[in-house]
């Protein structure tokens, strides 16, 4: 019997920290983002091809075009997901662990984290870490820019909120 060990960055706490740091570099010190929204963005940074499945309104044709041109790429057979929501739930402990790690280093505010919000405490500390990283691929940069701009302005809750459009989290009972 052969033993095959598979690695996937989705289940790597350190890679989760890395991804979240990359996303947070696009925020100012006094902005905040909801934990659920940040988790959704992290999912799409992991699986950028899945962004084409986000339900967009008719007047968001420009966003659909940006996804098609700047983010979509050839499918990776190792990244085929049969159920996005199940994968999203499987990576939750890694995402939350990464957020707690960032709070322990003083990068994000732990008091805000207790109220399910993320805000940067120190851009200086954040840049100390991110300055040591290799540059992201253009596809990853494009994904982060789109997520932190268009999908930041979108409400999280409601019929046209990010939760409902992505179907990664239950939104039926949101106010």
N, C-alpha and C. Protein backbone atom coordinates (compact mmCIF):
# COMPACT_ATOMS: atom_id res chain seq x y z
N UNK A 1 0.85 -1.18 0.00
CA UNK A 1 0.00 0.00 0.00
C UNK A 1 0.89 1.24 0.00
N UNK A 2 0.64 2.12 -0.96
CA UNK A 2 1.41 3.35 -1.05
C UNK A 2 0.71 4.44 -0.27
N UNK A 3 1.48 5.26 0.37
CA UNK A 3 0.96 6.39 1.12
C UNK A 3 1.21 7.65 0.30
N UNK A 4 0.15 8.37 0.02
CA UNK A 4 0.30 9.60 -0.75
C UNK A 4 -0.07 10.77 0.15
N UNK A 5 0.85 11.69 0.27
CA UNK A 5 0.61 12.88 1.07
C UNK A 5 0.31 14.03 0.12
N UNK A 6 -0.82 14.66 0.34
CA UNK A 6 -1.21 15.80 -0.48
C UNK A 6 -1.18 17.06 0.37
N UNK A 7 -0.68 18.11 -0.21
CA UNK A 7 -0.65 19.41 0.45
C UNK A 7 -1.60 20.34 -0.29
N UNK A 8 -2.37 21.08 0.47
CA UNK A 8 -3.17 22.14 -0.12
C UNK A 8 -3.07 23.35 0.79
N UNK A 9 -2.77 24.49 0.19
CA UNK A 9 -2.58 25.71 0.96
C UNK A 9 -3.82 26.13 1.76
N UNK A 10 -4.97 25.63 1.39
CA UNK A 10 -6.18 25.96 2.12
C UNK A 10 -6.13 25.44 3.56
N UNK A 11 -5.39 24.36 3.77
CA UNK A 11 -5.32 23.74 5.09
C UNK A 11 -3.98 23.98 5.77
N UNK A 12 -3.38 25.11 5.46
CA UNK A 12 -2.10 25.50 6.03
C UNK A 12 -2.30 26.81 6.78
N UNK A 13 -2.15 26.76 8.10
CA UNK A 13 -2.36 27.94 8.93
C UNK A 13 -1.45 29.09 8.49
N UNK A 14 -0.21 28.80 8.20
CA UNK A 14 0.73 29.85 7.82
C UNK A 14 0.38 30.46 6.47
N UNK A 15 -0.13 29.66 5.56
CA UNK A 15 -0.56 30.22 4.29
C UNK A 15 -1.81 31.07 4.48
N UNK A 16 -2.66 30.69 5.42
CA UNK A 16 -3.84 31.50 5.73
C UNK A 16 -3.41 32.86 6.27
N UNK A 17 -2.41 32.87 7.15
CA UNK A 17 -1.87 34.12 7.67
C UNK A 17 -1.33 34.96 6.51
N UNK A 18 -0.58 34.34 5.65
CA UNK A 18 0.00 35.02 4.48
C UNK A 18 -1.09 35.66 3.62
N UNK A 19 -2.14 34.90 3.30
CA UNK A 19 -3.21 35.42 2.44
C UNK A 19 -3.91 36.60 3.11
N UNK A 20 -4.21 36.47 4.40
CA UNK A 20 -4.91 37.54 5.10
C UNK A 20 -4.04 38.80 5.19
N UNK A 21 -2.75 38.62 5.41
CA UNK A 21 -1.85 39.78 5.41
C UNK A 21 -1.87 40.48 4.05
N UNK A 22 -1.87 39.69 2.99
CA UNK A 22 -1.90 40.27 1.65
C UNK A 22 -3.18 41.08 1.44
N UNK A 23 -4.30 40.56 1.88
CA UNK A 23 -5.58 41.27 1.73
C UNK A 23 -5.57 42.54 2.57
N UNK A 24 -5.07 42.45 3.80
CA UNK A 24 -5.10 43.60 4.71
C UNK A 24 -4.22 44.75 4.26
N UNK A 25 -3.24 44.49 3.40
CA UNK A 25 -2.40 45.59 2.91
C UNK A 25 -3.20 46.60 2.09
N UNK A 26 -4.40 46.23 1.67
CA UNK A 26 -5.24 47.11 0.88
C UNK A 26 -6.19 47.95 1.73
N UNK A 27 -6.00 47.94 3.05
CA UNK A 27 -6.86 48.69 3.95
C UNK A 27 -6.11 49.78 4.68
N UNK A 28 -6.84 50.83 5.05
CA UNK A 28 -6.28 51.88 5.88
C UNK A 28 -6.44 51.50 7.35
N UNK A 29 -5.74 52.22 8.20
CA UNK A 29 -5.73 51.90 9.63
C UNK A 29 -7.13 52.04 10.26
N UNK A 30 -7.93 53.00 9.82
CA UNK A 30 -9.21 53.22 10.48
C UNK A 30 -10.39 52.53 9.80
N UNK A 31 -10.16 51.76 8.76
CA UNK A 31 -11.22 50.98 8.13
C UNK A 31 -11.39 49.66 8.87
N UNK A 32 -12.55 49.06 8.74
CA UNK A 32 -12.75 47.72 9.27
C UNK A 32 -13.46 46.87 8.23
N UNK A 33 -13.35 45.58 8.40
CA UNK A 33 -14.04 44.63 7.54
C UNK A 33 -14.60 43.53 8.44
N UNK A 34 -15.78 43.05 8.11
CA UNK A 34 -16.40 41.99 8.89
C UNK A 34 -15.62 40.69 8.68
N UNK A 35 -15.55 39.87 9.73
CA UNK A 35 -14.83 38.60 9.65
C UNK A 35 -15.40 37.73 8.54
N UNK A 36 -16.73 37.66 8.42
CA UNK A 36 -17.34 36.83 7.38
C UNK A 36 -16.95 37.30 5.99
N UNK A 37 -16.93 38.61 5.78
CA UNK A 37 -16.54 39.16 4.48
C UNK A 37 -15.08 38.82 4.19
N UNK A 38 -14.23 38.97 5.17
CA UNK A 38 -12.80 38.66 5.00
C UNK A 38 -12.60 37.18 4.70
N UNK A 39 -13.37 36.32 5.35
CA UNK A 39 -13.29 34.88 5.08
C UNK A 39 -13.72 34.57 3.65
N UNK A 40 -14.76 35.25 3.17
CA UNK A 40 -15.23 35.05 1.79
C UNK A 40 -14.13 35.49 0.82
N UNK A 41 -13.53 36.64 1.08
CA UNK A 41 -12.46 37.11 0.20
C UNK A 41 -11.30 36.13 0.18
N UNK A 42 -10.96 35.59 1.34
CA UNK A 42 -9.86 34.63 1.42
C UNK A 42 -10.17 33.39 0.58
N UNK A 43 -11.41 32.95 0.62
CA UNK A 43 -11.83 31.80 -0.19
C UNK A 43 -11.58 32.08 -1.67
N UNK A 44 -11.96 33.28 -2.12
CA UNK A 44 -11.80 33.62 -3.54
C UNK A 44 -10.34 33.91 -3.91
N UNK A 45 -9.53 34.25 -2.94
CA UNK A 45 -8.10 34.37 -3.21
C UNK A 45 -7.49 32.98 -3.38
N UNK A 46 -7.99 32.03 -2.62
CA UNK A 46 -7.56 30.63 -2.76
C UNK A 46 -8.03 30.02 -4.07
N UNK A 47 -9.27 30.29 -4.43
CA UNK A 47 -9.90 29.70 -5.61
C UNK A 47 -10.43 30.82 -6.52
N UNK A 48 -9.54 31.56 -7.17
CA UNK A 48 -9.99 32.72 -7.96
C UNK A 48 -10.96 32.37 -9.09
N UNK A 49 -10.85 31.18 -9.65
CA UNK A 49 -11.78 30.80 -10.72
C UNK A 49 -13.22 30.74 -10.25
N UNK A 50 -13.42 30.56 -8.96
CA UNK A 50 -14.78 30.50 -8.41
C UNK A 50 -15.46 31.86 -8.39
N UNK A 51 -14.70 32.93 -8.61
CA UNK A 51 -15.31 34.27 -8.63
C UNK A 51 -16.33 34.40 -9.75
N UNK A 52 -16.17 33.60 -10.79
CA UNK A 52 -17.14 33.66 -11.90
C UNK A 52 -18.50 33.13 -11.50
N UNK A 53 -18.59 32.43 -10.36
CA UNK A 53 -19.87 31.89 -9.87
C UNK A 53 -20.64 32.88 -9.00
N UNK A 54 -20.03 34.00 -8.64
CA UNK A 54 -20.72 35.00 -7.81
C UNK A 54 -21.85 35.61 -8.64
N UNK A 55 -23.03 35.65 -8.06
CA UNK A 55 -24.18 36.21 -8.76
C UNK A 55 -24.03 37.73 -8.83
N UNK A 56 -24.00 38.23 -10.04
CA UNK A 56 -23.87 39.67 -10.25
C UNK A 56 -25.14 40.21 -10.89
N UNK A 57 -25.42 41.48 -10.62
CA UNK A 57 -26.58 42.13 -11.22
C UNK A 57 -26.26 42.48 -12.67
N UNK A 58 -27.31 42.80 -13.41
CA UNK A 58 -27.13 43.16 -14.82
C UNK A 58 -26.23 44.39 -14.99
N UNK A 59 -26.36 45.34 -14.06
CA UNK A 59 -25.56 46.56 -14.19
C UNK A 59 -24.11 46.37 -13.72
N UNK A 60 -23.73 45.15 -13.41
CA UNK A 60 -22.36 44.85 -12.98
C UNK A 60 -21.60 44.09 -14.07
N UNK A 61 -21.94 44.37 -15.31
CA UNK A 61 -21.28 43.72 -16.45
C UNK A 61 -19.78 43.99 -16.45
N UNK A 62 -19.40 45.19 -16.01
CA UNK A 62 -17.98 45.54 -15.98
C UNK A 62 -17.21 44.64 -15.01
N UNK A 63 -17.83 44.27 -13.90
CA UNK A 63 -17.19 43.39 -12.92
C UNK A 63 -17.05 41.99 -13.51
N UNK A 64 -18.08 41.52 -14.16
CA UNK A 64 -18.03 40.21 -14.80
C UNK A 64 -16.92 40.16 -15.86
N UNK A 65 -16.80 41.25 -16.61
CA UNK A 65 -15.76 41.33 -17.64
C UNK A 65 -14.36 41.34 -17.00
N UNK A 66 -14.19 42.09 -15.90
CA UNK A 66 -12.89 42.11 -15.20
C UNK A 66 -12.52 40.72 -14.70
N UNK A 67 -13.49 40.00 -14.16
CA UNK A 67 -13.23 38.63 -13.69
C UNK A 67 -12.79 37.76 -14.86
N UNK A 68 -13.50 37.88 -15.97
CA UNK A 68 -13.19 37.06 -17.14
C UNK A 68 -11.80 37.37 -17.71
N UNK A 69 -11.45 38.65 -17.78
CA UNK A 69 -10.19 39.05 -18.40
C UNK A 69 -9.00 38.91 -17.45
N UNK A 70 -9.16 39.36 -16.21
CA UNK A 70 -8.01 39.50 -15.32
C UNK A 70 -7.84 38.40 -14.28
N UNK A 71 -8.85 37.58 -14.08
CA UNK A 71 -8.76 36.60 -12.99
C UNK A 71 -8.87 35.16 -13.46
N UNK A 72 -9.81 34.87 -14.35
CA UNK A 72 -10.00 33.49 -14.78
C UNK A 72 -8.76 32.95 -15.47
N UNK A 73 -8.48 31.70 -15.21
CA UNK A 73 -7.34 31.04 -15.85
C UNK A 73 -7.74 29.60 -16.12
N UNK A 74 -6.83 28.85 -16.69
CA UNK A 74 -7.10 27.44 -16.94
C UNK A 74 -7.37 26.73 -15.62
N UNK A 75 -8.26 25.78 -15.65
CA UNK A 75 -8.60 25.03 -14.45
C UNK A 75 -7.43 24.18 -13.99
N UNK A 76 -7.26 24.14 -12.69
CA UNK A 76 -6.26 23.28 -12.08
C UNK A 76 -6.99 22.03 -11.59
N UNK A 77 -6.62 20.84 -12.07
CA UNK A 77 -7.36 19.63 -11.66
C UNK A 77 -7.29 19.36 -10.15
N UNK A 78 -6.31 19.93 -9.46
CA UNK A 78 -6.18 19.74 -8.02
C UNK A 78 -7.05 20.71 -7.23
N UNK A 79 -7.68 21.64 -7.93
CA UNK A 79 -8.51 22.62 -7.26
C UNK A 79 -9.98 22.49 -7.62
N UNK A 80 -10.38 21.33 -8.11
CA UNK A 80 -11.78 21.10 -8.41
C UNK A 80 -12.54 20.93 -7.10
N UNK A 81 -13.60 21.69 -6.95
CA UNK A 81 -14.41 21.61 -5.74
C UNK A 81 -15.80 21.11 -6.12
N UNK A 82 -16.25 20.11 -5.42
CA UNK A 82 -17.60 19.62 -5.69
C UNK A 82 -18.63 20.45 -4.94
N UNK A 83 -18.22 21.03 -3.81
CA UNK A 83 -19.15 21.81 -3.00
C UNK A 83 -18.39 22.98 -2.36
N UNK A 84 -18.62 24.16 -2.89
CA UNK A 84 -17.92 25.35 -2.39
C UNK A 84 -18.20 25.60 -0.91
N UNK A 85 -19.45 25.42 -0.52
CA UNK A 85 -19.83 25.72 0.86
C UNK A 85 -19.15 24.76 1.85
N UNK A 86 -19.03 23.50 1.48
CA UNK A 86 -18.34 22.54 2.35
C UNK A 86 -16.87 22.90 2.50
N UNK A 87 -16.23 23.26 1.39
CA UNK A 87 -14.83 23.66 1.45
C UNK A 87 -14.68 24.92 2.30
N UNK A 88 -15.60 25.85 2.14
CA UNK A 88 -15.57 27.09 2.92
C UNK A 88 -15.63 26.77 4.42
N UNK A 89 -16.45 25.83 4.80
CA UNK A 89 -16.55 25.44 6.21
C UNK A 89 -15.31 24.69 6.68
N UNK A 90 -14.71 23.91 5.80
CA UNK A 90 -13.49 23.16 6.17
C UNK A 90 -12.32 24.08 6.45
N UNK A 91 -12.25 25.20 5.75
CA UNK A 91 -11.11 26.10 5.96
C UNK A 91 -11.36 27.12 7.07
N UNK A 92 -12.54 27.16 7.62
CA UNK A 92 -12.89 28.12 8.67
C UNK A 92 -11.92 28.07 9.85
N UNK A 93 -11.58 26.90 10.41
CA UNK A 93 -10.66 26.89 11.56
C UNK A 93 -9.29 27.49 11.23
N UNK A 94 -8.82 27.31 10.01
CA UNK A 94 -7.53 27.87 9.61
C UNK A 94 -7.62 29.39 9.48
N UNK A 95 -8.73 29.86 8.93
CA UNK A 95 -8.92 31.30 8.78
C UNK A 95 -9.02 31.98 10.15
N UNK A 96 -9.82 31.39 11.04
CA UNK A 96 -9.99 31.99 12.37
C UNK A 96 -8.70 31.91 13.17
N UNK A 97 -7.97 30.81 13.03
CA UNK A 97 -6.67 30.68 13.69
C UNK A 97 -5.70 31.72 13.19
N UNK A 98 -5.73 31.98 11.90
CA UNK A 98 -4.85 32.99 11.30
C UNK A 98 -5.20 34.38 11.84
N UNK A 99 -6.48 34.67 11.99
CA UNK A 99 -6.89 35.97 12.53
C UNK A 99 -6.44 36.13 13.98
N UNK A 100 -6.57 35.07 14.75
CA UNK A 100 -6.10 35.13 16.15
C UNK A 100 -4.59 35.34 16.21
N UNK A 101 -3.88 34.72 15.29
CA UNK A 101 -2.43 34.89 15.21
C UNK A 101 -2.09 36.35 14.90
N UNK A 102 -2.78 36.94 13.94
CA UNK A 102 -2.53 38.34 13.57
C UNK A 102 -2.84 39.27 14.74
N UNK A 103 -3.86 38.94 15.51
CA UNK A 103 -4.19 39.74 16.69
C UNK A 103 -3.11 39.60 17.75
N UNK A 104 -2.57 38.40 17.91
CA UNK A 104 -1.53 38.20 18.93
C UNK A 104 -0.24 38.94 18.59
N UNK A 105 0.01 39.18 17.31
CA UNK A 105 1.19 39.94 16.88
C UNK A 105 0.93 41.45 16.87
N UNK A 106 -0.29 41.87 17.20
CA UNK A 106 -0.61 43.29 17.24
C UNK A 106 -0.85 43.91 15.88
N UNK A 107 -1.11 43.09 14.88
CA UNK A 107 -1.37 43.61 13.54
C UNK A 107 -2.82 44.05 13.40
N UNK A 108 -3.72 43.24 13.95
CA UNK A 108 -5.14 43.61 13.96
C UNK A 108 -5.60 43.75 15.41
N UNK A 109 -6.67 44.48 15.61
CA UNK A 109 -7.19 44.78 16.95
C UNK A 109 -7.98 43.59 17.49
N UNK A 110 -7.52 43.02 18.61
CA UNK A 110 -8.19 41.83 19.15
C UNK A 110 -9.56 42.16 19.73
N UNK A 111 -9.78 43.40 20.19
CA UNK A 111 -11.10 43.77 20.71
C UNK A 111 -12.13 43.82 19.58
N UNK A 112 -11.74 44.35 18.43
CA UNK A 112 -12.62 44.35 17.26
C UNK A 112 -12.89 42.91 16.81
N UNK A 113 -11.86 42.08 16.89
CA UNK A 113 -12.01 40.69 16.46
C UNK A 113 -13.07 39.97 17.29
N UNK A 114 -13.14 40.31 18.58
CA UNK A 114 -14.17 39.71 19.44
C UNK A 114 -15.58 40.11 19.00
N UNK A 115 -15.69 41.25 18.33
CA UNK A 115 -16.99 41.67 17.82
C UNK A 115 -17.12 41.37 16.32
N UNK A 116 -16.34 40.39 15.84
CA UNK A 116 -16.39 39.91 14.46
C UNK A 116 -16.07 40.98 13.41
N UNK A 117 -15.15 41.85 13.77
CA UNK A 117 -14.67 42.86 12.84
C UNK A 117 -13.14 42.85 12.87
N UNK A 118 -12.56 43.20 11.75
CA UNK A 118 -11.10 43.23 11.65
C UNK A 118 -10.68 44.64 11.26
N UNK A 119 -9.79 45.19 12.05
CA UNK A 119 -9.20 46.49 11.73
C UNK A 119 -7.71 46.42 12.03
N UNK A 120 -6.95 47.14 11.26
CA UNK A 120 -5.49 47.13 11.41
C UNK A 120 -5.10 48.05 12.54
N UNK A 121 -4.23 47.57 13.42
CA UNK A 121 -3.71 48.37 14.52
C UNK A 121 -2.51 49.17 14.04
N UNK A 122 -1.63 48.49 13.32
CA UNK A 122 -0.39 49.13 12.92
C UNK A 122 0.00 48.75 11.49
N UNK A 123 -0.07 49.74 10.60
CA UNK A 123 0.39 49.52 9.22
C UNK A 123 1.89 49.25 9.20
N UNK A 124 2.59 49.82 10.17
CA UNK A 124 4.05 49.64 10.24
C UNK A 124 4.39 48.18 10.51
N UNK A 125 3.73 47.58 11.48
CA UNK A 125 3.97 46.17 11.78
C UNK A 125 3.54 45.31 10.60
N UNK A 126 2.40 45.64 10.01
CA UNK A 126 1.91 44.91 8.84
C UNK A 126 2.94 44.94 7.71
N UNK A 127 3.47 46.12 7.42
CA UNK A 127 4.44 46.22 6.32
C UNK A 127 5.77 45.55 6.66
N UNK A 128 6.09 45.41 7.94
CA UNK A 128 7.30 44.69 8.34
C UNK A 128 7.25 43.26 7.83
N UNK A 129 6.07 42.66 7.92
CA UNK A 129 5.90 41.28 7.44
C UNK A 129 5.76 41.22 5.92
N UNK A 130 4.87 42.04 5.38
CA UNK A 130 4.56 41.94 3.95
C UNK A 130 5.72 42.38 3.06
N UNK A 131 6.61 43.21 3.57
CA UNK A 131 7.75 43.65 2.77
C UNK A 131 8.72 42.50 2.47
N UNK A 132 8.64 41.43 3.24
CA UNK A 132 9.52 40.27 3.05
C UNK A 132 8.94 39.25 2.07
N UNK A 133 7.70 39.46 1.65
CA UNK A 133 7.04 38.51 0.75
C UNK A 133 7.48 38.71 -0.68
N UNK A 134 7.43 37.62 -1.44
CA UNK A 134 7.62 37.70 -2.88
C UNK A 134 6.39 38.40 -3.46
N UNK A 135 6.54 39.09 -4.57
CA UNK A 135 5.38 39.72 -5.19
C UNK A 135 4.33 38.67 -5.59
N UNK A 136 3.08 39.06 -5.47
CA UNK A 136 1.99 38.18 -5.88
C UNK A 136 1.92 38.10 -7.40
N UNK A 137 1.31 37.03 -7.88
CA UNK A 137 1.03 36.92 -9.31
C UNK A 137 -0.01 37.98 -9.68
N UNK A 138 0.02 38.46 -10.92
CA UNK A 138 -0.97 39.48 -11.33
C UNK A 138 -2.42 39.04 -11.08
N UNK A 139 -2.72 37.76 -11.31
CA UNK A 139 -4.08 37.24 -11.09
C UNK A 139 -4.49 37.42 -9.63
N UNK A 140 -3.56 37.18 -8.70
CA UNK A 140 -3.85 37.32 -7.28
C UNK A 140 -4.04 38.78 -6.89
N UNK A 141 -3.19 39.64 -7.43
CA UNK A 141 -3.32 41.08 -7.17
C UNK A 141 -4.66 41.57 -7.70
N UNK A 142 -5.02 41.15 -8.91
CA UNK A 142 -6.31 41.55 -9.50
C UNK A 142 -7.47 41.07 -8.66
N UNK A 143 -7.39 39.84 -8.16
CA UNK A 143 -8.46 39.30 -7.32
C UNK A 143 -8.60 40.12 -6.04
N UNK A 144 -7.50 40.42 -5.39
CA UNK A 144 -7.55 41.20 -4.14
C UNK A 144 -8.10 42.60 -4.41
N UNK A 145 -7.66 43.21 -5.47
CA UNK A 145 -8.15 44.57 -5.78
C UNK A 145 -9.65 44.58 -6.03
N UNK A 146 -10.14 43.60 -6.77
CA UNK A 146 -11.57 43.54 -7.05
C UNK A 146 -12.36 43.23 -5.77
N UNK A 147 -11.87 42.29 -4.99
CA UNK A 147 -12.56 41.93 -3.75
C UNK A 147 -12.62 43.10 -2.78
N UNK A 148 -11.50 43.81 -2.62
CA UNK A 148 -11.44 44.88 -1.63
C UNK A 148 -12.01 46.20 -2.13
N UNK A 149 -12.43 46.25 -3.37
CA UNK A 149 -13.08 47.46 -3.87
C UNK A 149 -14.57 47.18 -4.09
N UNK A 150 -14.91 46.52 -5.18
CA UNK A 150 -16.32 46.29 -5.51
C UNK A 150 -17.03 45.47 -4.43
N UNK A 151 -16.41 44.42 -3.96
CA UNK A 151 -17.07 43.55 -2.99
C UNK A 151 -16.95 44.05 -1.56
N UNK A 152 -16.26 45.18 -1.36
CA UNK A 152 -16.24 45.86 -0.06
C UNK A 152 -17.43 46.80 0.03
N UNK A 153 -17.77 47.41 -1.09
CA UNK A 153 -18.88 48.36 -1.12
C UNK A 153 -20.23 47.66 -1.06
N UNK A 154 -20.27 46.41 -1.45
CA UNK A 154 -21.49 45.61 -1.47
C UNK A 154 -21.90 45.27 -0.03
N UNK A 155 -23.19 45.34 0.28
CA UNK A 155 -23.59 44.94 1.63
C UNK A 155 -23.29 43.46 1.87
N UNK A 156 -23.08 43.10 3.12
CA UNK A 156 -22.80 41.70 3.45
C UNK A 156 -24.11 40.91 3.55
N UNK A 157 -25.16 41.57 4.05
CA UNK A 157 -26.44 40.91 4.30
C UNK A 157 -27.49 41.33 3.28
N UNK A 158 -28.59 40.61 3.26
CA UNK A 158 -29.71 40.95 2.40
C UNK A 158 -29.71 40.17 1.10
N UNK A 159 -30.77 40.38 0.35
CA UNK A 159 -30.99 39.63 -0.90
C UNK A 159 -29.85 39.82 -1.90
N UNK A 160 -29.29 41.02 -1.95
CA UNK A 160 -28.19 41.29 -2.88
C UNK A 160 -26.86 41.46 -2.16
N UNK A 161 -26.80 40.95 -0.94
CA UNK A 161 -25.57 41.03 -0.17
C UNK A 161 -24.57 39.97 -0.60
N UNK A 162 -23.35 40.11 -0.13
CA UNK A 162 -22.27 39.21 -0.52
C UNK A 162 -22.54 37.77 -0.10
N UNK A 163 -23.13 37.58 1.08
CA UNK A 163 -23.42 36.21 1.53
C UNK A 163 -24.40 35.53 0.58
N UNK A 164 -25.44 36.23 0.19
CA UNK A 164 -26.45 35.66 -0.71
C UNK A 164 -25.88 35.43 -2.12
N UNK A 165 -25.08 36.34 -2.59
CA UNK A 165 -24.54 36.23 -3.94
C UNK A 165 -23.52 35.11 -4.08
N UNK A 166 -22.75 34.86 -3.02
CA UNK A 166 -21.72 33.83 -3.10
C UNK A 166 -22.25 32.45 -2.72
N UNK A 167 -23.29 32.42 -1.91
CA UNK A 167 -23.87 31.16 -1.42
C UNK A 167 -22.88 30.36 -0.55
N UNK A 168 -21.86 31.05 -0.01
CA UNK A 168 -20.89 30.35 0.86
C UNK A 168 -21.38 30.29 2.29
N UNK A 169 -22.20 31.24 2.68
CA UNK A 169 -22.76 31.29 4.03
C UNK A 169 -24.28 31.40 3.94
N UNK A 170 -24.94 30.89 4.92
CA UNK A 170 -26.40 30.98 4.98
C UNK A 170 -26.79 32.45 5.07
N UNK A 171 -27.72 32.86 4.24
CA UNK A 171 -28.15 34.27 4.26
C UNK A 171 -29.67 34.38 4.36
N UNK A 172 -30.34 33.27 4.35
CA UNK A 172 -31.80 33.24 4.34
C UNK A 172 -32.41 34.00 5.53
N UNK A 173 -31.76 33.91 6.69
CA UNK A 173 -32.33 34.48 7.91
C UNK A 173 -31.67 35.80 8.31
N UNK A 174 -30.86 36.37 7.42
CA UNK A 174 -30.23 37.66 7.71
C UNK A 174 -31.29 38.75 7.71
N UNK A 175 -31.05 39.75 8.52
CA UNK A 175 -31.99 40.88 8.59
C UNK A 175 -31.88 41.74 7.35
